[in-house]
Amino acid sequence: IPSRKLSDVQEWLQNFPNLTFIIRDGSHTFRSAISEVSPDIIQIADRFHVLKSLTDHAVKALRALIPKKIELGEEKHF
């Protein structure tokens, strides 16, 4: 694809009328271009971005559960 501009992506897509699905990144431009040119194409998020999103949400959830400061009791010597 020559660029990430909406019109360039749409023009590129028109060269492939038989596409049934596309694996893409999270670009809103790609999503819009695909939907406008051929709304029947199934759009699939690529695995890197799926895993990144899951990891980001997991980190956010863990930060909410784990206190920022954990205090340990005094060290006992035996």
C-alpha atoms as a PDB file:
ATOM      1  CA  ILE A   1       0.000   0.000   0.000  1.00  0.00           C
ATOM      2  CA  PRO A   2       1.590   3.319  -1.019  1.00  0.00           C
ATOM      3  CA  SER A   3       0.486   5.116   2.164  1.00  0.00           C
ATOM      4  CA  ARG A   4      -1.913   4.977   5.101  1.00  0.00           C
ATOM      5  CA  LYS A   5      -4.148   7.684   3.606  1.00  0.00           C
ATOM      6  CA  LEU A   6      -7.794   6.641   3.392  1.00  0.00           C
ATOM      7  CA  SER A   7      -8.028   7.255  -0.357  1.00  0.00           C
ATOM      8  CA  ASP A   8      -4.834   5.271  -1.081  1.00  0.00           C
ATOM      9  CA  VAL A   9      -6.004   2.326   0.991  1.00  0.00           C
ATOM     10  CA  GLN A  10      -9.430   2.375  -0.680  1.00  0.00           C
ATOM     11  CA  GLU A  11      -7.835   2.487  -4.134  1.00  0.00           C
ATOM     12  CA  TRP A  12      -5.521  -0.409  -3.255  1.00  0.00           C
ATOM     13  CA  LEU A  13      -8.438  -2.483  -1.935  1.00  0.00           C
ATOM     14  CA  GLN A  14     -10.404  -2.020  -5.150  1.00  0.00           C
ATOM     15  CA  ASN A  15      -7.680  -4.008  -6.937  1.00  0.00           C
ATOM     16  CA  PHE A  16      -8.650  -7.086  -4.893  1.00  0.00           C
ATOM     17  CA  PRO A  17     -12.421  -7.548  -5.227  1.00  0.00           C
ATOM     18  CA  ASN A  18     -12.326 -11.214  -4.136  1.00  0.00           C
ATOM     19  CA  LEU A  19     -11.000 -10.617  -0.616  1.00  0.00           C
ATOM     20  CA  THR A  20     -13.145 -12.280   2.049  1.00  0.00           C
ATOM     21  CA  PHE A  21     -11.071 -11.399   5.115  1.00  0.00           C
ATOM     22  CA  ILE A  22      -8.169  -9.120   6.050  1.00  0.00           C
ATOM     23  CA  ILE A  23      -5.802  -9.346   9.001  1.00  0.00           C
ATOM     24  CA  ARG A  24      -4.840  -5.818   9.992  1.00  0.00           C
ATOM     25  CA  ASP A  25      -3.446  -3.659  12.762  1.00  0.00           C
ATOM     26  CA  GLY A  26      -5.596  -1.322  14.833  1.00  0.00           C
ATOM     27  CA  SER A  27      -5.515   1.521  12.313  1.00  0.00           C
ATOM     28  CA  HIS A  28      -8.806   3.411  12.136  1.00  0.00           C
ATOM     29  CA  THR A  29      -7.922   4.357   8.561  1.00  0.00           C
ATOM     30  CA  PHE A  30      -7.651   0.715   7.514  1.00  0.00           C
ATOM     31  CA  ARG A  31     -10.879  -0.166   9.326  1.00  0.00           C
ATOM     32  CA  SER A  32     -12.764   2.676   7.640  1.00  0.00           C
ATOM     33  CA  ALA A  33     -11.325   2.013   4.189  1.00  0.00           C
ATOM     34  CA  ILE A  34     -12.180  -1.685   4.337  1.00  0.00           C
ATOM     35  CA  SER A  35     -15.697  -1.018   5.623  1.00  0.00           C
ATOM     36  CA  GLU A  36     -16.390   1.582   2.947  1.00  0.00           C
ATOM     37  CA  VAL A  37     -14.977  -0.376  -0.011  1.00  0.00           C
ATOM     38  CA  SER A  38     -16.391  -3.751   0.975  1.00  0.00           C
ATOM     39  CA  PRO A  39     -18.434  -4.050   4.177  1.00  0.00           C
ATOM     40  CA  ASP A  40     -18.635  -7.833   3.716  1.00  0.00           C
ATOM     41  CA  ILE A  41     -14.892  -8.314   4.276  1.00  0.00           C
ATOM     42  CA  ILE A  42     -14.227  -9.852   7.690  1.00  0.00           C
ATOM     43  CA  GLN A  43     -11.636  -7.807   9.566  1.00  0.00           C
ATOM     44  CA  ILE A  44      -9.326  -9.649  11.955  1.00  0.00           C
ATOM     45  CA  ALA A  45      -6.917  -8.004  14.401  1.00  0.00           C
ATOM     46  CA  ASP A  46      -3.356  -9.241  14.056  1.00  0.00           C
ATOM     47  CA  ARG A  47      -2.009 -11.321  16.946  1.00  0.00           C
ATOM     48  CA  PHE A  48       0.600  -8.767  18.052  1.00  0.00           C
ATOM     49  CA  HIS A  49      -2.043  -6.117  18.673  1.00  0.00           C
ATOM     50  CA  VAL A  50      -4.440  -8.594  20.311  1.00  0.00           C
ATOM     51  CA  LEU A  51      -1.726  -9.721  22.752  1.00  0.00           C
ATOM     52  CA  LYS A  52      -0.614  -6.124  23.382  1.00  0.00           C
ATOM     53  CA  SER A  53      -4.162  -5.087  24.205  1.00  0.00           C
ATOM     54  CA  LEU A  54      -4.670  -8.073  26.523  1.00  0.00           C
ATOM     55  CA  THR A  55      -1.358  -7.387  28.271  1.00  0.00           C
ATOM     56  CA  ASP A  56      -2.168  -3.684  28.737  1.00  0.00           C
ATOM     57  CA  HIS A  57      -5.553  -4.526  30.261  1.00  0.00           C
ATOM     58  CA  ALA A  58      -4.028  -7.202  32.531  1.00  0.00           C
ATOM     59  CA  VAL A  59      -1.402  -4.765  33.817  1.00  0.00           C
ATOM     60  CA  LYS A  60      -4.090  -2.150  34.495  1.00  0.00           C
ATOM     61  CA  ALA A  61      -6.193  -4.710  36.405  1.00  0.00           C
ATOM     62  CA  LEU A  62      -3.212  -5.894  38.463  1.00  0.00           C
ATOM     63  CA  ARG A  63      -2.228  -2.320  39.339  1.00  0.00           C
ATOM     64  CA  ALA A  64      -5.737  -1.790  40.704  1.00  0.00           C
ATOM     65  CA  LEU A  65      -5.450  -4.926  42.884  1.00  0.00           C
ATOM     66  CA  ILE A  66      -1.892  -4.613  44.191  1.00  0.00           C
ATOM     67  CA  PRO A  67      -1.112  -1.768  46.590  1.00  0.00           C
ATOM     68  CA  LYS A  68       1.535   0.720  45.458  1.00  0.00           C
ATOM     69  CA  LYS A  69       3.500   0.188  48.628  1.00  0.00           C
ATOM     70  CA  ILE A  70       3.906  -3.104  50.419  1.00  0.00           C
ATOM     71  CA  GLU A  71       5.314  -2.914  53.902  1.00  0.00           C
ATOM     72  CA  LEU A  72       7.076  -5.882  55.411  1.00  0.00           C
ATOM     73  CA  GLY A  73       7.133  -6.535  59.124  1.00  0.00           C
ATOM     74  CA  GLU A  74      10.332  -6.227  61.092  1.00  0.00           C
ATOM     75  CA  GLU A  75      12.951  -8.837  60.392  1.00  0.00           C
ATOM     76  CA  LYS A  76      13.162 -11.455  63.122  1.00  0.00           C
ATOM     77  CA  HIS A  77      16.478 -13.055  63.965  1.00  0.00           C
ATOM     78  CA  PHE A  78      16.490 -16.604  65.252  1.00  0.00           C
END
